[in-house]
């Protein structure tokens, strides 16, 4: 594969992640709560990934029992809760706001890594943190109006989505050198779904869940916005550096914002647009010098390190 084609494939994967809001909005409109939508995403994705590995990459399913707690961390503590907070912001506010607040995740990684892995908190990371804070303040209307354009709880949920999003990278770092990223992703989804299905009690809405339209949206969320997006992104990572791929993946919030504006008539003011740009700039500043083997807090993404 040429480098140019690898760039295109990585950007295509990121663009597919950007379509998440479409399926989430439709499932919310069908009568599912954000927690139930997370259950749909994780359970459907786990089934598709497990089927894919059983058919084509069965050797990637072998893991050591001692590493299962880390998959519980990535699947339940990180993926389950960041999706819940992310989907709640989509439900109560807009796709644009949800994806911008979610993208505070890489900056949280830099901050958390300072205490967990004793990584240096450089001037670059401080600059990224300042950009992130300023961008969020502009996006939610605190600057320049001095008053929030959304509820405080929505902002808290958005920031929590970024925080739990970042925890995937923290937990994943302990096993990223021993397993292929698809192994980590699959087991994360399995443990996440084992937690979500009973707690969301999806069986109580089985008649609605298995209706044709809901199945279509559920499979779309799992296949298009999760599995295919992941496969495209990972395929491209085989030929380009993970740092460059992380920069290219900022296509995701751009696609999500465009979808929100075109499909759901979301209005983005000039100040909000500037804030979104600052948040994306903070991500670029965070990942620009990232080492090849450092796991990313980018929707359970990464490169093959094992």
Protein backbone atom coordinates (compact mmCIF):
# COMPACT_ATOMS: atom_id res chain seq x y z
CA UNK A 1 0.00 0.00 0.00
CA UNK A 2 1.33 3.44 -0.88
CA UNK A 3 1.69 6.08 1.80
CA UNK A 4 -0.93 8.22 0.06
CA UNK A 5 -3.43 5.36 0.10
CA UNK A 6 -2.64 4.71 3.76
CA UNK A 7 -3.45 8.36 4.52
CA UNK A 8 -6.75 8.03 2.68
CA UNK A 9 -7.70 4.84 4.52
CA UNK A 10 -6.86 6.32 7.93
CA UNK A 11 -8.93 9.41 7.15
CA UNK A 12 -11.78 7.20 5.91
CA UNK A 13 -11.74 5.30 9.20
CA UNK A 14 -11.80 8.56 11.17
CA UNK A 15 -14.65 9.83 8.99
CA UNK A 16 -16.65 6.70 9.76
CA UNK A 17 -16.15 7.35 13.49
CA UNK A 18 -17.55 10.79 12.82
CA UNK A 19 -20.87 9.24 11.74
CA UNK A 20 -21.55 7.92 15.27
CA UNK A 21 -23.96 10.74 16.06
CA UNK A 22 -26.32 9.74 13.24
CA UNK A 23 -26.96 6.26 14.65
CA UNK A 24 -27.05 7.47 18.26
CA UNK A 25 -29.64 10.15 17.47
CA UNK A 26 -31.83 7.64 15.63
CA UNK A 27 -31.63 5.10 18.46
CA UNK A 28 -32.43 7.79 21.01
CA UNK A 29 -35.43 8.82 18.90
CA UNK A 30 -36.55 5.17 18.77
CA UNK A 31 -36.97 5.14 22.54
CA UNK A 32 -33.63 3.98 23.92
CA UNK A 33 -31.77 5.73 26.73
CA UNK A 34 -28.06 6.62 26.32
CA UNK A 35 -27.09 3.73 28.61
CA UNK A 36 -29.11 1.31 26.48
CA UNK A 37 -27.55 2.70 23.29
CA UNK A 38 -24.10 1.99 24.77
CA UNK A 39 -25.26 -1.55 25.43
CA UNK A 40 -26.35 -1.89 21.80
CA UNK A 41 -23.06 -0.52 20.51
CA UNK A 42 -20.83 -2.70 22.65
CA UNK A 43 -22.80 -5.95 22.33
CA UNK A 44 -23.25 -5.66 18.56
CA UNK A 45 -19.60 -4.65 18.12
CA UNK A 46 -18.37 -7.51 20.33
CA UNK A 47 -20.32 -10.03 18.24
CA UNK A 48 -19.00 -8.65 14.94
CA UNK A 49 -15.38 -8.46 16.14
CA UNK A 50 -15.53 -11.93 17.68
CA UNK A 51 -16.97 -13.36 14.47
CA UNK A 52 -14.28 -11.63 12.40
CA UNK A 53 -11.43 -13.00 14.53
CA UNK A 54 -12.90 -16.51 14.64
CA UNK A 55 -13.05 -16.56 10.85
CA UNK A 56 -9.83 -14.80 9.91
CA UNK A 57 -7.51 -14.17 12.90
CA UNK A 58 -8.25 -16.84 15.45
CA UNK A 59 -4.77 -16.67 16.97
CA UNK A 60 -5.50 -13.12 18.14
CA UNK A 61 -8.09 -14.42 20.61
CA UNK A 62 -5.48 -16.00 22.89
CA UNK A 63 -4.76 -13.97 26.02
CA UNK A 64 -3.37 -14.68 29.48
CA UNK A 65 -5.72 -14.78 32.45
CA UNK A 66 -3.52 -12.36 34.39
CA UNK A 67 -4.22 -9.66 31.78
CA UNK A 68 -8.02 -9.87 31.98
CA UNK A 69 -8.25 -7.10 34.64
CA UNK A 70 -6.74 -4.65 32.13
CA UNK A 71 -9.39 -5.58 29.56
CA UNK A 72 -12.02 -5.01 32.24
CA UNK A 73 -10.49 -1.57 32.71
CA UNK A 74 -10.54 -0.73 29.01
CA UNK A 75 -13.96 -2.24 28.39
CA UNK A 76 -15.98 -1.30 31.46
CA UNK A 77 -14.25 1.61 33.18
CA UNK A 78 -13.27 3.36 29.94
CA UNK A 79 -15.37 2.41 26.92
CA UNK A 80 -18.68 1.84 28.70
CA UNK A 81 -18.61 5.11 30.63
CA UNK A 82 -17.09 7.38 28.00
CA UNK A 83 -19.74 6.22 25.54
CA UNK A 84 -22.47 6.81 28.10
CA UNK A 85 -21.40 10.39 28.83
CA UNK A 86 -20.74 11.03 25.13
CA UNK A 87 -24.15 9.74 24.06
CA UNK A 88 -25.87 11.68 26.86
CA UNK A 89 -24.40 14.95 25.58
CA UNK A 90 -25.57 14.06 22.06
CA UNK A 91 -29.05 13.40 23.46
CA UNK A 92 -29.28 16.55 25.59
CA UNK A 93 -27.25 19.01 23.50
CA UNK A 94 -25.65 18.61 20.08
CA UNK A 95 -23.32 16.27 18.20
CA UNK A 96 -20.88 19.15 17.70
CA UNK A 97 -20.56 19.92 21.41
CA UNK A 98 -20.35 16.23 22.33
CA UNK A 99 -17.49 15.46 19.96
CA UNK A 100 -15.52 18.59 20.91
CA UNK A 101 -15.72 17.82 24.63
CA UNK A 102 -14.86 14.18 23.92
CA UNK A 103 -11.72 15.33 22.14
CA UNK A 104 -10.32 16.68 25.38
CA UNK A 105 -9.31 13.05 25.95
CA UNK A 106 -5.74 13.17 24.58
CA UNK A 107 -4.95 16.13 26.83
CA UNK A 108 -6.27 14.17 29.82
CA UNK A 109 -3.92 11.35 28.78
CA UNK A 110 -0.97 13.73 29.00
CA UNK A 111 -2.04 14.91 32.46
CA UNK A 112 -2.81 11.44 33.86
CA UNK A 113 0.42 9.98 32.44
CA UNK A 114 2.37 12.56 34.43
CA UNK A 115 1.22 10.88 37.64
CA UNK A 116 0.81 7.24 36.59
CA UNK A 117 3.85 6.77 34.36
CA UNK A 118 5.96 9.73 35.53
CA UNK A 119 6.02 11.15 32.02
CA UNK A 120 7.39 14.68 31.74
CA UNK A 121 4.78 17.43 31.60
CA UNK A 122 6.43 19.52 28.91
CA UNK A 123 5.77 23.07 27.74
CA UNK A 124 4.04 21.55 24.73
CA UNK A 125 1.61 19.68 26.99
CA UNK A 126 1.01 22.79 29.10
CA UNK A 127 0.23 24.69 25.90
CA UNK A 128 -2.17 21.96 24.81
CA UNK A 129 -3.94 22.12 28.18
CA UNK A 130 -4.34 25.90 27.90
CA UNK A 131 -5.68 25.60 24.34
CA UNK A 132 -8.10 22.89 25.44
CA UNK A 133 -9.46 24.95 28.34
CA UNK A 134 -9.80 28.05 26.18
CA UNK A 135 -11.44 26.10 23.38
CA UNK A 136 -13.97 24.50 25.74
CA UNK A 137 -14.78 27.89 27.28
CA UNK A 138 -15.50 29.32 23.81
CA UNK A 139 -17.49 26.27 22.68
CA UNK A 140 -19.86 26.25 25.68
CA UNK A 141 -20.38 30.03 25.55
CA UNK A 142 -18.51 31.02 28.72
CA UNK A 143 -16.28 33.25 26.59
CA UNK A 144 -16.98 35.95 25.48
CA UNK A 145 -20.60 36.08 26.68
CA UNK A 146 -19.78 35.18 30.27
CA UNK A 147 -22.79 32.85 30.43
CA UNK A 148 -23.10 29.18 29.55
CA UNK A 149 -25.04 28.30 26.41
CA UNK A 150 -25.75 24.79 27.76
CA UNK A 151 -26.46 23.37 31.20
CA UNK A 152 -23.64 22.84 33.65
CA UNK A 153 -24.49 19.13 33.88
CA UNK A 154 -24.11 18.75 30.12
CA UNK A 155 -20.64 20.28 30.32
CA UNK A 156 -19.70 18.02 33.23
CA UNK A 157 -20.86 14.97 31.26
CA UNK A 158 -18.91 16.14 28.22
CA UNK A 159 -15.71 16.56 30.21
CA UNK A 160 -16.26 13.17 31.86
CA UNK A 161 -16.57 11.61 28.40
CA UNK A 162 -13.12 12.96 27.61
CA UNK A 163 -11.74 11.76 30.94
CA UNK A 164 -13.02 8.18 30.61
CA UNK A 165 -12.01 8.27 26.94
CA UNK A 166 -8.45 8.95 28.12
CA UNK A 167 -8.49 6.03 30.55
CA UNK A 168 -8.48 3.60 27.62
CA UNK A 169 -4.96 4.70 26.81
CA UNK A 170 -3.90 4.41 30.46
CA UNK A 171 -5.23 0.86 30.94
CA UNK A 172 -4.21 -0.12 27.42
CA UNK A 173 -0.59 0.85 27.96
CA UNK A 174 -0.11 -2.10 30.31
CA UNK A 175 -1.02 -4.64 27.59
CA UNK A 176 -0.27 -2.78 24.34
CA UNK A 177 3.18 -4.35 24.11
CA UNK A 178 1.86 -7.90 24.48
CA UNK A 179 -1.21 -8.00 22.25
CA UNK A 180 -2.39 -6.83 18.86
CA UNK A 181 -4.70 -3.85 19.08
CA UNK A 182 -7.57 -5.89 17.63
CA UNK A 183 -7.18 -8.34 20.51
CA UNK A 184 -7.38 -5.49 23.01
CA UNK A 185 -10.36 -3.98 21.20
CA UNK A 186 -12.28 -7.25 20.99
CA UNK A 187 -11.85 -8.20 24.63
CA UNK A 188 -12.64 -4.65 25.70
CA UNK A 189 -15.90 -4.85 23.78
CA UNK A 190 -16.69 -8.30 25.20
CA UNK A 191 -16.20 -7.23 28.81
CA UNK A 192 -18.00 -3.96 28.19
CA UNK A 193 -21.01 -5.76 26.72
CA UNK A 194 -21.04 -8.31 29.56
CA UNK A 195 -21.41 -5.36 31.92
CA UNK A 196 -23.82 -3.30 29.81
CA UNK A 197 -26.35 -5.92 28.76
CA UNK A 198 -27.48 -6.88 32.29
CA UNK A 199 -27.27 -3.33 33.68
CA UNK A 200 -29.18 -1.83 30.74
CA UNK A 201 -31.74 -4.69 30.78
CA UNK A 202 -31.99 -4.59 27.00
CA UNK A 203 -34.11 -7.75 26.98
CA UNK A 204 -36.99 -5.70 28.39
CA UNK A 205 -37.11 -3.88 25.05
CA UNK A 206 -36.52 -6.96 22.89
CA UNK A 207 -39.54 -6.30 20.68
CA UNK A 208 -38.25 -2.80 19.94
CA UNK A 209 -34.62 -3.91 19.70
CA UNK A 210 -35.34 -6.46 16.99
CA UNK A 211 -37.54 -4.21 14.90
CA UNK A 212 -36.07 -3.71 11.39
CA UNK A 213 -35.25 -0.01 11.81
CA UNK A 214 -33.55 -0.43 15.19
CA UNK A 215 -31.55 -3.41 13.96
CA UNK A 216 -30.43 -1.30 11.02
CA UNK A 217 -29.29 1.58 13.23
CA UNK A 218 -27.73 -0.76 15.79
CA UNK A 219 -25.77 -2.66 13.17
CA UNK A 220 -24.80 0.64 11.56
CA UNK A 221 -23.46 1.93 14.87
CA UNK A 222 -21.52 -1.29 15.43
CA UNK A 223 -20.37 -2.02 11.88
CA UNK A 224 -19.95 1.37 10.19
CA UNK A 225 -19.08 3.63 13.12
CA UNK A 226 -17.10 1.05 15.09
CA UNK A 227 -15.79 -2.12 13.41
CA UNK A 228 -15.23 -0.93 9.81
CA UNK A 229 -13.88 2.38 11.08
CA UNK A 230 -11.44 0.54 13.32
CA UNK A 231 -10.36 -1.86 10.54
CA UNK A 232 -9.73 1.00 8.08
CA UNK A 233 -7.81 3.01 10.64
CA UNK A 234 -5.69 0.03 11.76
CA UNK A 235 -4.97 -1.02 8.16
CA UNK A 236 -3.57 2.42 7.41
CA UNK A 237 -1.48 2.38 10.60
CA UNK A 238 0.57 -0.48 9.19
CA UNK A 239 2.13 1.92 6.70
CA UNK A 240 2.36 5.28 8.48
CA UNK A 241 3.44 6.48 11.91
CA UNK A 242 0.82 6.47 14.66
CA UNK A 243 1.52 10.15 15.38
CA UNK A 244 0.67 11.13 11.81
CA UNK A 245 -2.40 8.90 11.88
CA UNK A 246 -3.55 10.60 15.09
CA UNK A 247 -3.29 13.97 13.36
CA UNK A 248 -5.24 12.68 10.37
CA UNK A 249 -7.90 11.32 12.73
CA UNK A 250 -8.97 14.87 13.58
CA UNK A 251 -11.10 14.45 10.45
CA UNK A 252 -13.55 12.78 12.86
CA UNK A 253 -14.74 15.89 14.74
CA UNK A 254 -14.89 17.83 11.48
CA UNK A 255 -17.16 15.18 9.93
CA UNK A 256 -19.28 15.02 13.10
CA UNK A 257 -19.74 18.80 13.17
CA UNK A 258 -20.67 18.90 9.48
CA UNK A 259 -23.21 16.10 10.03
CA UNK A 260 -24.72 17.98 12.95
CA UNK A 261 -25.09 21.13 10.88
CA UNK A 262 -26.43 19.50 7.71
CA UNK A 263 -28.66 16.75 9.09
CA UNK A 264 -29.79 18.16 12.42
CA UNK A 265 -29.68 21.92 11.75
CA UNK A 266 -27.18 22.51 14.54
CA UNK A 267 -25.95 26.09 14.62
CA UNK A 268 -22.28 26.80 15.28
CA UNK A 269 -21.48 30.42 16.04
CA UNK A 270 -18.21 32.10 15.10
CA UNK A 271 -17.00 31.92 18.71
CA UNK A 272 -17.96 28.26 19.00
CA UNK A 273 -16.17 27.51 15.75
CA UNK A 274 -13.05 29.18 17.12
CA UNK A 275 -13.35 27.13 20.29
CA UNK A 276 -13.67 23.89 18.35
CA UNK A 277 -10.59 24.82 16.34
CA UNK A 278 -8.64 25.42 19.56
CA UNK A 279 -9.63 22.01 20.96
CA UNK A 280 -8.51 20.29 17.75
CA UNK A 281 -5.26 22.33 17.88
CA UNK A 282 -4.69 21.10 21.45
CA UNK A 283 -5.02 17.50 20.22
CA UNK A 284 -2.52 18.13 17.42
CA UNK A 285 -0.10 19.71 19.88
CA UNK A 286 -0.47 16.74 22.22
CA UNK A 287 0.16 14.02 19.63
CA UNK A 288 2.67 15.79 17.38
CA UNK A 289 5.71 14.25 19.02
CA UNK A 290 4.09 11.15 20.33
CA UNK A 291 6.26 8.04 20.27
CA UNK A 292 5.26 5.23 17.94
CA UNK A 293 4.48 2.74 20.69
CA UNK A 294 2.50 5.03 22.97
CA UNK A 295 -1.17 3.96 22.90
CA UNK A 296 -3.64 6.63 21.85
CA UNK A 297 -6.85 7.57 23.55
CA UNK A 298 -8.50 7.69 20.15
CA UNK A 299 -11.57 5.49 20.27
CA UNK A 300 -9.61 2.36 21.32
CA UNK A 301 -7.21 2.88 18.40
CA UNK A 302 -3.54 2.02 18.09
CA UNK A 303 -0.92 0.16 16.10
CA UNK A 304 0.32 -3.42 16.23
CA UNK A 305 2.93 -3.52 18.97
CA UNK A 306 2.97 -7.20 19.81
